[in-house]
Amino acid sequence: MRFGDEETKRVAVLLRRNIFYEQEVLQLLRSLVESYEAFRMPKSFMANCVVMTHAVLRQMEMYGGSGNLVLRKKKGGRKPKAKKPKAGEGGEGGEGGEGAGEGADGGAGAGEGADGGEGAEAASAWQEEAFDFERNLHDFVAHRAVLEKYVGLLRAFDEVEPQVTHGVLRLLCRLIKQCKLEPMLFQVGVLQVFLEVLERPSISSAQNAELSKFCRHVTLTLTLTLTLTVTLTLTLTLTLTLTLTLTLTKFCRHVTGRFFEQARHNPALFVEALFCKLTLILTLTLTLTLTVTLTLTRRSSGSGPTSAR
């Protein structure tokens, strides 16, 4: 707090911590944003959600990383069943009076009275943890429904208050810089909204300078990203083609060199190179078969007349 006396500042800090203690503020706001329907609900509903969320995030960011705020969070698991009181306990006047008396004394009856067991079980179902602004911001903004509702409100930038547009742009800037989720903006529907905004004549006014700058930044970033991606793809393709070409050239040179090296010691390879190896083998086999057949035929014809004599 920057204004007021010390007592006012102290009370304001306590109130602010109590608001964030249950860790349900952002969850409630996210539910409201996700429930917004542009064609059935007025734009003022979404505009109020944007302004409220912007204010809450500013307050929560003051505690980010300081460790001064502790939040209460529900533990996972099933809720323990409440124990039923036994028959006769608390029904008599004497025992009931004692229980009431103990509860009235400050502290003892809170744990031992009728609500003592339920209070202990409820306390065990919660745990405390240090506040982490970055994680809470990521949980809120990393939902496509939230992003679509925020970006969709930019279509009516000339119908809403400037603070509403500022709240939308601040959340989108947090999405890019703090959450590192800029690729979520690289969608056809989101870019179409940005282009529609840039084509409006009223975007050139001074009060819309922030919106114009942001839309141009996103579209320019996407253009550069696509250009770089295409360049890298072409470079990789050319590199692979060059590598394959060099490999093929090296292999062809290696085989050709081995042929001439072997032919230097065996000149018959030049003749074999003119024929397929399988054809050569079949030719040799056929030649050998014909030679054996002719030899046997000649021997048979020569032994005939000799036997007749």
C-alpha atoms as a PDB file:
ATOM      1  CA  MET A   1       0.000   0.000   0.000  1.00  0.00           C
ATOM      2  CA  ARG A   2       1.274   3.460  -0.915  1.00  0.00           C
ATOM      3  CA  PHE A   3      -1.440   5.615   0.652  1.00  0.00           C
ATOM      4  CA  GLY A   4      -2.869   6.063   4.151  1.00  0.00           C
ATOM      5  CA  ASP A   5      -1.357   5.802   7.591  1.00  0.00           C
ATOM      6  CA  GLU A   6       0.422   2.744   8.961  1.00  0.00           C
ATOM      7  CA  GLU A   7      -2.717   1.211  10.464  1.00  0.00           C
ATOM      8  CA  THR A   8      -4.610   1.521   7.180  1.00  0.00           C
ATOM      9  CA  LYS A   9      -1.723  -0.059   5.285  1.00  0.00           C
ATOM     10  CA  ARG A  10      -1.532  -2.930   7.788  1.00  0.00           C
ATOM     11  CA  VAL A  11      -5.265  -3.641   7.544  1.00  0.00           C
ATOM     12  CA  ALA A  12      -5.129  -3.448   3.744  1.00  0.00           C
ATOM     13  CA  VAL A  13      -2.276  -5.991   3.619  1.00  0.00           C
ATOM     14  CA  LEU A  14      -4.165  -8.366   5.917  1.00  0.00           C
ATOM     15  CA  LEU A  15      -7.318  -8.079   3.836  1.00  0.00           C
ATOM     16  CA  ARG A  16      -5.384  -8.721   0.661  1.00  0.00           C
ATOM     17  CA  ARG A  17      -3.722 -11.807   2.117  1.00  0.00           C
ATOM     18  CA  ASN A  18      -7.046 -13.143   3.335  1.00  0.00           C
ATOM     19  CA  ILE A  19      -8.531 -12.748  -0.140  1.00  0.00           C
ATOM     20  CA  PHE A  20      -5.777 -14.854  -1.737  1.00  0.00           C
ATOM     21  CA  TYR A  21      -5.442 -17.328   1.130  1.00  0.00           C
ATOM     22  CA  GLU A  22      -8.016 -19.796  -0.184  1.00  0.00           C
ATOM     23  CA  GLN A  23      -6.425 -19.773  -3.674  1.00  0.00           C
ATOM     24  CA  GLU A  24      -9.799 -19.654  -5.378  1.00  0.00           C
ATOM     25  CA  VAL A  25      -9.869 -16.152  -6.837  1.00  0.00           C
ATOM     26  CA  LEU A  26      -8.199 -16.986 -10.159  1.00  0.00           C
ATOM     27  CA  GLN A  27     -10.128 -20.249 -10.430  1.00  0.00           C
ATOM     28  CA  LEU A  28     -13.384 -18.349 -10.034  1.00  0.00           C
ATOM     29  CA  LEU A  29     -12.359 -15.752 -12.615  1.00  0.00           C
ATOM     30  CA  ARG A  30     -11.296 -18.455 -15.069  1.00  0.00           C
ATOM     31  CA  SER A  31     -14.679 -20.161 -14.662  1.00  0.00           C
ATOM     32  CA  LEU A  32     -16.436 -16.869 -15.383  1.00  0.00           C
ATOM     33  CA  VAL A  33     -14.331 -16.249 -18.488  1.00  0.00           C
ATOM     34  CA  GLU A  34     -14.888 -19.767 -19.817  1.00  0.00           C
ATOM     35  CA  SER A  35     -18.646 -19.469 -19.281  1.00  0.00           C
ATOM     36  CA  TYR A  36     -18.855 -16.322 -21.418  1.00  0.00           C
ATOM     37  CA  GLU A  37     -20.791 -16.762 -24.682  1.00  0.00           C
ATOM     38  CA  ALA A  38     -20.318 -13.902 -27.113  1.00  0.00           C
ATOM     39  CA  PHE A  39     -23.630 -14.433 -28.948  1.00  0.00           C
ATOM     40  CA  ARG A  40     -25.792 -14.758 -25.834  1.00  0.00           C
ATOM     41  CA  MET A  41     -24.177 -12.515 -23.231  1.00  0.00           C
ATOM     42  CA  PRO A  42     -23.306  -8.812 -23.346  1.00  0.00           C
ATOM     43  CA  LYS A  43     -19.720  -7.744 -23.973  1.00  0.00           C
ATOM     44  CA  SER A  44     -19.797  -5.878 -20.677  1.00  0.00           C
ATOM     45  CA  PHE A  45     -19.696  -9.224 -18.821  1.00  0.00           C
ATOM     46  CA  MET A  46     -16.413 -10.213 -20.451  1.00  0.00           C
ATOM     47  CA  ALA A  47     -15.095  -6.680 -20.109  1.00  0.00           C
ATOM     48  CA  ASN A  48     -15.723  -6.746 -16.343  1.00  0.00           C
ATOM     49  CA  CYS A  49     -13.963 -10.126 -16.089  1.00  0.00           C
ATOM     50  CA  VAL A  50     -10.940  -8.702 -17.919  1.00  0.00           C
ATOM     51  CA  VAL A  51     -10.698  -5.649 -15.684  1.00  0.00           C
ATOM     52  CA  MET A  52     -11.122  -7.713 -12.516  1.00  0.00           C
ATOM     53  CA  THR A  53      -8.548 -10.292 -13.616  1.00  0.00           C
ATOM     54  CA  HIS A  54      -6.058  -7.562 -14.487  1.00  0.00           C
ATOM     55  CA  ALA A  55      -6.436  -6.011 -11.027  1.00  0.00           C
ATOM     56  CA  VAL A  56      -6.134  -9.381  -9.260  1.00  0.00           C
ATOM     57  CA  LEU A  57      -3.017 -10.334 -11.218  1.00  0.00           C
ATOM     58  CA  ARG A  58      -1.385  -7.020 -10.367  1.00  0.00           C
ATOM     59  CA  GLN A  59      -2.057  -7.594  -6.673  1.00  0.00           C
ATOM     60  CA  MET A  60      -0.858 -11.208  -6.810  1.00  0.00           C
ATOM     61  CA  GLU A  61       2.293 -10.284  -8.699  1.00  0.00           C
ATOM     62  CA  MET A  62       3.413  -8.161  -5.749  1.00  0.00           C
ATOM     63  CA  TYR A  63       3.834 -11.389  -3.753  1.00  0.00           C
ATOM     64  CA  GLY A  64       5.543 -13.356  -6.492  1.00  0.00           C
ATOM     65  CA  GLY A  65       8.865 -14.752  -5.275  1.00  0.00           C
ATOM     66  CA  SER A  66       8.804 -12.845  -1.981  1.00  0.00           C
ATOM     67  CA  GLY A  67       7.647 -15.815   0.108  1.00  0.00           C
ATOM     68  CA  ASN A  68       5.499 -13.510   2.272  1.00  0.00           C
ATOM     69  CA  LEU A  69       2.218 -15.126   1.301  1.00  0.00           C
ATOM     70  CA  VAL A  70       1.112 -18.639   2.234  1.00  0.00           C
ATOM     71  CA  LEU A  71      -1.885 -20.199   0.530  1.00  0.00           C
ATOM     72  CA  ARG A  72      -4.170 -22.980   1.631  1.00  0.00           C
ATOM     73  CA  LYS A  73      -4.742 -25.817  -0.823  1.00  0.00           C
ATOM     74  CA  LYS A  74      -6.927 -28.894  -0.671  1.00  0.00           C
ATOM     75  CA  LYS A  75      -5.165 -32.224  -0.461  1.00  0.00           C
ATOM     76  CA  GLY A  76      -5.982 -34.957  -2.930  1.00  0.00           C
ATOM     77  CA  GLY A  77      -7.825 -38.098  -1.974  1.00  0.00           C
ATOM     78  CA  ARG A  78     -11.214 -38.879  -0.551  1.00  0.00           C
ATOM     79  CA  LYS A  79     -12.771 -36.941   2.241  1.00  0.00           C
ATOM     80  CA  PRO A  80     -12.779 -38.937   5.519  1.00  0.00           C
ATOM     81  CA  LYS A  81     -16.172 -39.992   6.761  1.00  0.00           C
ATOM     82  CA  ALA A  82     -17.518 -38.246   9.840  1.00  0.00           C
ATOM     83  CA  LYS A  83     -17.940 -40.440  12.890  1.00  0.00           C
ATOM     84  CA  LYS A  84     -21.497 -40.839  14.130  1.00  0.00           C
ATOM     85  CA  PRO A  85     -22.018 -40.005  17.838  1.00  0.00           C
ATOM     86  CA  LYS A  86     -22.844 -42.941  20.041  1.00  0.00           C
ATOM     87  CA  ALA A  87     -26.312 -43.250  21.520  1.00  0.00           C
ATOM     88  CA  GLY A  88     -26.617 -41.527  24.875  1.00  0.00           C
ATOM     89  CA  GLU A  89     -23.606 -39.206  24.460  1.00  0.00           C
ATOM     90  CA  GLY A  90     -24.534 -35.577  24.723  1.00  0.00           C
ATOM     91  CA  GLY A  91     -28.164 -36.421  25.363  1.00  0.00           C
ATOM     92  CA  GLU A  92     -28.080 -36.042  29.121  1.00  0.00           C
ATOM     93  CA  GLY A  93     -28.173 -32.601  30.625  1.00  0.00           C
ATOM     94  CA  GLY A  94     -25.045 -33.022  32.755  1.00  0.00           C
ATOM     95  CA  GLU A  95     -22.766 -34.159  29.921  1.00  0.00           C
ATOM     96  CA  GLY A  96     -24.224 -31.634  27.521  1.00  0.00           C
ATOM     97  CA  GLY A  97     -23.678 -28.839  30.001  1.00  0.00           C
ATOM     98  CA  GLU A  98     -20.076 -29.834  30.524  1.00  0.00           C
ATOM     99  CA  GLY A  99     -19.460 -29.912  26.782  1.00  0.00           C
ATOM    100  CA  ALA A 100     -21.031 -26.492  26.392  1.00  0.00           C
ATOM    101  CA  GLY A 101     -18.993 -25.137  29.271  1.00  0.00           C
ATOM    102  CA  GLU A 102     -15.774 -26.444  27.815  1.00  0.00           C
ATOM    103  CA  GLY A 103     -16.648 -25.000  24.410  1.00  0.00           C
ATOM    104  CA  ALA A 104     -17.258 -21.598  25.933  1.00  0.00           C
ATOM    105  CA  ASP A 105     -13.840 -21.508  27.638  1.00  0.00           C
ATOM    106  CA  GLY A 106     -11.606 -20.360  24.728  1.00  0.00           C
ATOM    107  CA  GLY A 107      -9.901 -23.185  22.973  1.00  0.00           C
ATOM    108  CA  ALA A 108     -10.536 -26.433  24.825  1.00  0.00           C
ATOM    109  CA  GLY A 109     -14.080 -26.964  23.642  1.00  0.00           C
ATOM    110  CA  ALA A 110     -13.121 -26.190  20.006  1.00  0.00           C
ATOM    111  CA  GLY A 111     -11.222 -29.450  19.824  1.00  0.00           C
ATOM    112  CA  GLU A 112     -13.195 -31.576  22.246  1.00  0.00           C
ATOM    113  CA  GLY A 113     -16.814 -30.467  21.687  1.00  0.00           C
ATOM    114  CA  ALA A 114     -19.242 -31.712  19.071  1.00  0.00           C
ATOM    115  CA  ASP A 115     -17.400 -29.836  16.270  1.00  0.00           C
ATOM    116  CA  GLY A 116     -13.940 -30.891  17.448  1.00  0.00           C
ATOM    117  CA  GLY A 117     -13.737 -34.100  15.383  1.00  0.00           C
ATOM    118  CA  GLU A 118     -15.083 -32.482  12.235  1.00  0.00           C
ATOM    119  CA  GLY A 119     -12.729 -29.513  12.657  1.00  0.00           C
ATOM    120  CA  ALA A 120      -9.701 -31.797  12.959  1.00  0.00           C
ATOM    121  CA  GLU A 121     -10.731 -33.782   9.887  1.00  0.00           C
ATOM    122  CA  ALA A 122     -11.369 -30.612   7.884  1.00  0.00           C
ATOM    123  CA  ALA A 123      -7.974 -29.218   8.894  1.00  0.00           C
ATOM    124  CA  SER A 124      -6.239 -32.426   7.826  1.00  0.00           C
ATOM    125  CA  ALA A 125      -7.825 -32.139   4.343  1.00  0.00           C
ATOM    126  CA  TRP A 126      -5.919 -28.901   3.635  1.00  0.00           C
ATOM    127  CA  GLN A 127      -2.243 -28.097   3.308  1.00  0.00           C
ATOM    128  CA  GLU A 128      -0.347 -24.817   3.185  1.00  0.00           C
ATOM    129  CA  GLU A 129       2.169 -23.877   0.518  1.00  0.00           C
ATOM    130  CA  ALA A 130       4.162 -20.805  -0.478  1.00  0.00           C
ATOM    131  CA  PHE A 131       2.590 -18.602  -3.123  1.00  0.00           C
ATOM    132  CA  ASP A 132       3.995 -19.029  -6.655  1.00  0.00           C
ATOM    133  CA  PHE A 133       2.754 -16.316  -8.979  1.00  0.00           C
ATOM    134  CA  GLU A 134       4.249 -17.786 -12.160  1.00  0.00           C
ATOM    135  CA  ARG A 135       2.562 -21.142 -11.626  1.00  0.00           C
ATOM    136  CA  ASN A 136      -0.803 -19.552 -10.813  1.00  0.00           C
ATOM    137  CA  LEU A 137      -0.530 -17.321 -13.869  1.00  0.00           C
ATOM    138  CA  HIS A 138       0.305 -20.308 -16.072  1.00  0.00           C
ATOM    139  CA  ASP A 139      -2.662 -22.273 -14.705  1.00  0.00           C
ATOM    140  CA  PHE A 140      -4.958 -19.397 -15.602  1.00  0.00           C
ATOM    141  CA  VAL A 141      -3.708 -18.411 -19.031  1.00  0.00           C
ATOM    142  CA  ALA A 142      -2.705 -21.816 -20.467  1.00  0.00           C
ATOM    143  CA  HIS A 143      -6.286 -22.631 -21.458  1.00  0.00           C
ATOM    144  CA  ARG A 144      -7.349 -22.174 -25.049  1.00  0.00           C
ATOM    145  CA  ALA A 145     -10.876 -21.189 -23.989  1.00  0.00           C
ATOM    146  CA  VAL A 146      -9.502 -18.260 -21.966  1.00  0.00           C
ATOM    147  CA  LEU A 147      -7.268 -17.158 -24.837  1.00  0.00           C
ATOM    148  CA  GLU A 148     -10.105 -17.317 -27.358  1.00  0.00           C
ATOM    149  CA  LYS A 149     -12.424 -15.247 -25.165  1.00  0.00           C
ATOM    150  CA  TYR A 150      -9.756 -12.603 -24.575  1.00  0.00           C
ATOM    151  CA  VAL A 151      -8.736 -12.344 -28.222  1.00  0.00           C
ATOM    152  CA  GLY A 152     -12.362 -12.357 -29.345  1.00  0.00           C
ATOM    153  CA  LEU A 153     -13.008  -9.265 -27.228  1.00  0.00           C
ATOM    154  CA  LEU A 154     -10.464  -7.359 -29.352  1.00  0.00           C
ATOM    155  CA  ARG A 155     -12.980  -7.366 -32.211  1.00  0.00           C
ATOM    156  CA  ALA A 156     -14.967  -4.833 -30.187  1.00  0.00           C
ATOM    157  CA  PHE A 157     -11.961  -2.683 -29.200  1.00  0.00           C
ATOM    158  CA  ASP A 158     -13.735   0.439 -30.469  1.00  0.00           C
ATOM    159  CA  GLU A 159     -16.831  -0.373 -28.354  1.00  0.00           C
ATOM    160  CA  VAL A 160     -15.221  -1.042 -24.961  1.00  0.00           C
ATOM    161  CA  GLU A 161     -13.288   1.170 -22.587  1.00  0.00           C
ATOM    162  CA  PRO A 162      -9.535   1.623 -23.195  1.00  0.00           C
ATOM    163  CA  GLN A 163      -8.766  -0.043 -19.852  1.00  0.00           C
ATOM    164  CA  VAL A 164     -10.470  -3.211 -21.093  1.00  0.00           C
ATOM    165  CA  THR A 165      -8.255  -3.340 -24.167  1.00  0.00           C
ATOM    166  CA  HIS A 166      -5.247  -2.654 -21.967  1.00  0.00           C
ATOM    167  CA  GLY A 167      -6.209  -5.548 -19.697  1.00  0.00           C
ATOM    168  CA  VAL A 168      -6.445  -7.929 -22.676  1.00  0.00           C
ATOM    169  CA  LEU A 169      -3.068  -6.841 -24.038  1.00  0.00           C
ATOM    170  CA  ARG A 170      -1.410  -7.144 -20.628  1.00  0.00           C
ATOM    171  CA  LEU A 171      -2.583 -10.736 -20.287  1.00  0.00           C
ATOM    172  CA  LEU A 172      -1.355 -11.568 -23.794  1.00  0.00           C
ATOM    173  CA  CYS A 173       2.000  -9.998 -22.951  1.00  0.00           C
ATOM    174  CA  ARG A 174       2.194 -12.163 -19.826  1.00  0.00           C
ATOM    175  CA  LEU A 175       1.387 -15.148 -22.023  1.00  0.00           C
ATOM    176  CA  ILE A 176       4.384 -14.354 -24.229  1.00  0.00           C
ATOM    177  CA  LYS A 177       7.012 -13.090 -21.790  1.00  0.00           C
ATOM    178  CA  GLN A 178       6.296 -14.787 -18.462  1.00  0.00           C
ATOM    179  CA  CYS A 179       4.659 -18.052 -19.534  1.00  0.00           C
ATOM    180  CA  LYS A 180       6.661 -18.514 -22.771  1.00  0.00           C
ATOM    181  CA  LEU A 181       3.500 -19.631 -24.583  1.00  0.00           C
ATOM    182  CA  GLU A 182       3.715 -17.392 -27.655  1.00  0.00           C
ATOM    183  CA  PRO A 183       3.007 -20.337 -30.040  1.00  0.00           C
ATOM    184  CA  MET A 184      -0.551 -20.354 -28.656  1.00  0.00           C
ATOM    185  CA  LEU A 185      -1.102 -17.134 -30.633  1.00  0.00           C
ATOM    186  CA  PHE A 186      -0.002 -18.736 -33.899  1.00  0.00           C
ATOM    187  CA  GLN A 187      -3.468 -20.005 -34.760  1.00  0.00           C
ATOM    188  CA  VAL A 188      -5.565 -19.098 -37.783  1.00  0.00           C
ATOM    189  CA  GLY A 189      -8.470 -17.789 -35.694  1.00  0.00           C
ATOM    190  CA  VAL A 190      -6.229 -15.600 -33.516  1.00  0.00           C
ATOM    191  CA  LEU A 191      -4.285 -14.176 -36.458  1.00  0.00           C
ATOM    192  CA  GLN A 192      -7.520 -13.467 -38.291  1.00  0.00           C
ATOM    193  CA  VAL A 193      -8.684 -11.304 -35.386  1.00  0.00           C
ATOM    194  CA  PHE A 194      -5.375  -9.399 -35.400  1.00  0.00           C
ATOM    195  CA  LEU A 195      -5.655  -8.767 -39.150  1.00  0.00           C
ATOM    196  CA  GLU A 196      -9.249  -7.569 -38.746  1.00  0.00           C
ATOM    197  CA  VAL A 197      -8.091  -5.167 -36.037  1.00  0.00           C
ATOM    198  CA  LEU A 198      -5.287  -3.797 -38.226  1.00  0.00           C
ATOM    199  CA  GLU A 199      -7.716  -3.210 -41.108  1.00  0.00           C
ATOM    200  CA  ARG A 200     -10.059  -1.047 -39.016  1.00  0.00           C
ATOM    201  CA  PRO A 201      -9.732   2.691 -39.797  1.00  0.00           C
ATOM    202  CA  SER A 202     -10.017   3.552 -36.095  1.00  0.00           C
ATOM    203  CA  ILE A 203      -6.838   1.592 -35.258  1.00  0.00           C
ATOM    204  CA  SER A 204      -4.741   4.564 -36.357  1.00  0.00           C
ATOM    205  CA  SER A 205      -5.993   6.731 -33.497  1.00  0.00           C
ATOM    206  CA  ALA A 206      -3.677   7.546 -30.614  1.00  0.00           C
ATOM    207  CA  GLN A 207      -5.692   5.667 -27.983  1.00  0.00           C
ATOM    208  CA  ASN A 208      -5.332   2.415 -29.986  1.00  0.00           C
ATOM    209  CA  ALA A 209      -1.578   2.715 -30.479  1.00  0.00           C
ATOM    210  CA  GLU A 210      -0.857  -0.043 -27.957  1.00  0.00           C
ATOM    211  CA  LEU A 211      -3.246  -2.458 -29.677  1.00  0.00           C
ATOM    212  CA  SER A 212      -1.878  -1.656 -33.122  1.00  0.00           C
ATOM    213  CA  LYS A 213       1.698  -2.200 -31.953  1.00  0.00           C
ATOM    214  CA  PHE A 214       0.890  -5.548 -30.369  1.00  0.00           C
ATOM    215  CA  CYS A 215      -0.991  -6.901 -33.403  1.00  0.00           C
ATOM    216  CA  ARG A 216       1.808  -5.854 -35.726  1.00  0.00           C
ATOM    217  CA  HIS A 217       4.350  -7.473 -33.433  1.00  0.00           C
ATOM    218  CA  VAL A 218       2.565 -10.833 -33.410  1.00  0.00           C
ATOM    219  CA  THR A 219       1.984 -10.911 -37.171  1.00  0.00           C
ATOM    220  CA  LEU A 220       5.579  -9.858 -37.869  1.00  0.00           C
ATOM    221  CA  THR A 221       6.898 -12.490 -35.471  1.00  0.00           C
ATOM    222  CA  LEU A 222       4.845 -15.173 -37.169  1.00  0.00           C
ATOM    223  CA  THR A 223       6.051 -14.042 -40.600  1.00  0.00           C
ATOM    224  CA  LEU A 224       9.670 -14.166 -39.505  1.00  0.00           C
ATOM    225  CA  THR A 225       9.129 -17.563 -37.885  1.00  0.00           C
ATOM    226  CA  LEU A 226       7.584 -18.997 -41.044  1.00  0.00           C
ATOM    227  CA  THR A 227      10.348 -17.507 -43.189  1.00  0.00           C
ATOM    228  CA  LEU A 228      13.007 -18.967 -40.929  1.00  0.00           C
ATOM    229  CA  THR A 229      11.267 -22.352 -40.935  1.00  0.00           C
ATOM    230  CA  VAL A 230      11.083 -22.431 -44.747  1.00  0.00           C
ATOM    231  CA  THR A 231      14.723 -21.356 -45.006  1.00  0.00           C
ATOM    232  CA  LEU A 232      15.859 -24.055 -42.611  1.00  0.00           C
ATOM    233  CA  THR A 233      13.793 -26.659 -44.460  1.00  0.00           C
ATOM    234  CA  LEU A 234      15.311 -25.691 -47.803  1.00  0.00           C
ATOM    235  CA  THR A 235      18.794 -25.644 -46.305  1.00  0.00           C
ATOM    236  CA  LEU A 236      18.298 -29.089 -44.822  1.00  0.00           C
ATOM    237  CA  THR A 237      16.949 -30.417 -48.125  1.00  0.00           C
ATOM    238  CA  LEU A 238      19.906 -29.020 -50.062  1.00  0.00           C
ATOM    239  CA  THR A 239      22.333 -30.395 -47.495  1.00  0.00           C
ATOM    240  CA  LEU A 240      20.827 -33.876 -47.731  1.00  0.00           C
ATOM    241  CA  THR A 241      20.825 -33.718 -51.539  1.00  0.00           C
ATOM    242  CA  LEU A 242      24.465 -32.616 -51.600  1.00  0.00           C
ATOM    243  CA  THR A 243      25.408 -35.347 -49.129  1.00  0.00           C
ATOM    244  CA  LEU A 244      23.689 -38.025 -51.200  1.00  0.00           C
ATOM    245  CA  THR A 245      25.318 -36.693 -54.371  1.00  0.00           C
ATOM    246  CA  LEU A 246      28.777 -36.769 -52.826  1.00  0.00           C
ATOM    247  CA  THR A 247      28.172 -40.258 -51.470  1.00  0.00           C
ATOM    248  CA  LEU A 248      26.990 -41.511 -54.863  1.00  0.00           C
ATOM    249  CA  THR A 249      29.948 -39.892 -56.630  1.00  0.00           C
ATOM    250  CA  LYS A 250      32.383 -41.443 -54.168  1.00  0.00           C
ATOM    251  CA  PHE A 251      30.839 -44.878 -54.577  1.00  0.00           C
ATOM    252  CA  CYS A 252      30.878 -44.733 -58.391  1.00  0.00           C
ATOM    253  CA  ARG A 253      34.506 -43.656 -58.398  1.00  0.00           C
ATOM    254  CA  HIS A 254      35.398 -46.430 -55.987  1.00  0.00           C
ATOM    255  CA  VAL A 255      33.780 -49.178 -58.135  1.00  0.00           C
ATOM    256  CA  THR A 256      35.284 -47.812 -61.363  1.00  0.00           C
ATOM    257  CA  GLY A 257      38.734 -47.591 -59.808  1.00  0.00           C
ATOM    258  CA  ARG A 258      38.533 -51.154 -58.506  1.00  0.00           C
ATOM    259  CA  PHE A 259      37.573 -52.418 -61.981  1.00  0.00           C
ATOM    260  CA  PHE A 260      40.582 -50.862 -63.718  1.00  0.00           C
ATOM    261  CA  GLU A 261      42.856 -51.975 -60.897  1.00  0.00           C
ATOM    262  CA  GLN A 262      41.728 -55.604 -61.284  1.00  0.00           C
ATOM    263  CA  ALA A 263      41.774 -55.407 -65.082  1.00  0.00           C
ATOM    264  CA  ARG A 264      45.423 -54.362 -64.974  1.00  0.00           C
ATOM    265  CA  HIS A 265      46.301 -57.802 -63.557  1.00  0.00           C
ATOM    266  CA  ASN A 266      43.584 -59.731 -65.452  1.00  0.00           C
ATOM    267  CA  PRO A 267      42.881 -58.320 -68.955  1.00  0.00           C
ATOM    268  CA  ALA A 268      40.096 -60.877 -69.455  1.00  0.00           C
ATOM    269  CA  LEU A 269      37.895 -58.654 -67.342  1.00  0.00           C
ATOM    270  CA  PHE A 270      37.497 -56.319 -70.325  1.00  0.00           C
ATOM    271  CA  VAL A 271      35.868 -59.209 -72.223  1.00  0.00           C
ATOM    272  CA  GLU A 272      33.751 -60.253 -69.252  1.00  0.00           C
ATOM    273  CA  ALA A 273      32.576 -56.671 -68.864  1.00  0.00           C
ATOM    274  CA  LEU A 274      30.783 -56.996 -72.226  1.00  0.00           C
ATOM    275  CA  PHE A 275      28.558 -59.810 -70.987  1.00  0.00           C
ATOM    276  CA  CYS A 276      26.429 -60.471 -67.987  1.00  0.00           C
ATOM    277  CA  LYS A 277      28.004 -62.926 -65.576  1.00  0.00           C
ATOM    278  CA  LEU A 278      24.965 -65.242 -65.687  1.00  0.00           C
ATOM    279  CA  THR A 279      24.968 -65.307 -69.501  1.00  0.00           C
ATOM    280  CA  LEU A 280      28.674 -66.142 -69.530  1.00  0.00           C
ATOM    281  CA  ILE A 281      28.188 -69.054 -67.143  1.00  0.00           C
ATOM    282  CA  LEU A 282      25.298 -70.448 -69.213  1.00  0.00           C
ATOM    283  CA  THR A 283      27.389 -70.112 -72.395  1.00  0.00           C
ATOM    284  CA  LEU A 284      30.307 -72.009 -70.872  1.00  0.00           C
ATOM    285  CA  THR A 285      28.000 -74.747 -69.598  1.00  0.00           C
ATOM    286  CA  LEU A 286      26.337 -75.161 -72.999  1.00  0.00           C
ATOM    287  CA  THR A 287      29.711 -75.274 -74.770  1.00  0.00           C
ATOM    288  CA  LEU A 288      30.993 -77.939 -72.395  1.00  0.00           C
ATOM    289  CA  THR A 289      27.848 -80.039 -72.878  1.00  0.00           C
ATOM    290  CA  LEU A 290      28.091 -79.903 -76.673  1.00  0.00           C
ATOM    291  CA  THR A 291      31.783 -80.853 -76.576  1.00  0.00           C
ATOM    292  CA  VAL A 292      31.123 -83.939 -74.441  1.00  0.00           C
ATOM    293  CA  THR A 293      28.199 -84.979 -76.654  1.00  0.00           C
ATOM    294  CA  LEU A 294      30.260 -84.738 -79.861  1.00  0.00           C
ATOM    295  CA  THR A 295      33.102 -86.731 -78.320  1.00  0.00           C
ATOM    296  CA  LEU A 296      30.815 -89.567 -77.306  1.00  0.00           C
ATOM    297  CA  THR A 297      29.162 -89.589 -80.718  1.00  0.00           C
ATOM    298  CA  ARG A 298      32.478 -89.900 -82.518  1.00  0.00           C
ATOM    299  CA  ARG A 299      33.586 -92.782 -80.315  1.00  0.00           C
ATOM    300  CA  SER A 300      30.343 -94.644 -80.932  1.00  0.00           C
ATOM    301  CA  SER A 301      30.572 -94.251 -84.690  1.00  0.00           C
ATOM    302  CA  GLY A 302      34.206 -95.423 -84.756  1.00  0.00           C
ATOM    303  CA  SER A 303      33.638 -98.642 -82.783  1.00  0.00           C
ATOM    304  CA  GLY A 304      30.774 -99.920 -85.055  1.00  0.00           C
ATOM    305  CA  PRO A 305      32.689-101.028 -88.151  1.00  0.00           C
ATOM    306  CA  THR A 306      35.436-102.575 -86.069  1.00  0.00           C
ATOM    307  CA  SER A 307      33.002-104.887 -84.326  1.00  0.00           C
ATOM    308  CA  ALA A 308      31.479-105.979 -87.652  1.00  0.00           C
ATOM    309  CA  ARG A 309      34.787-107.260 -88.894  1.00  0.00           C
END
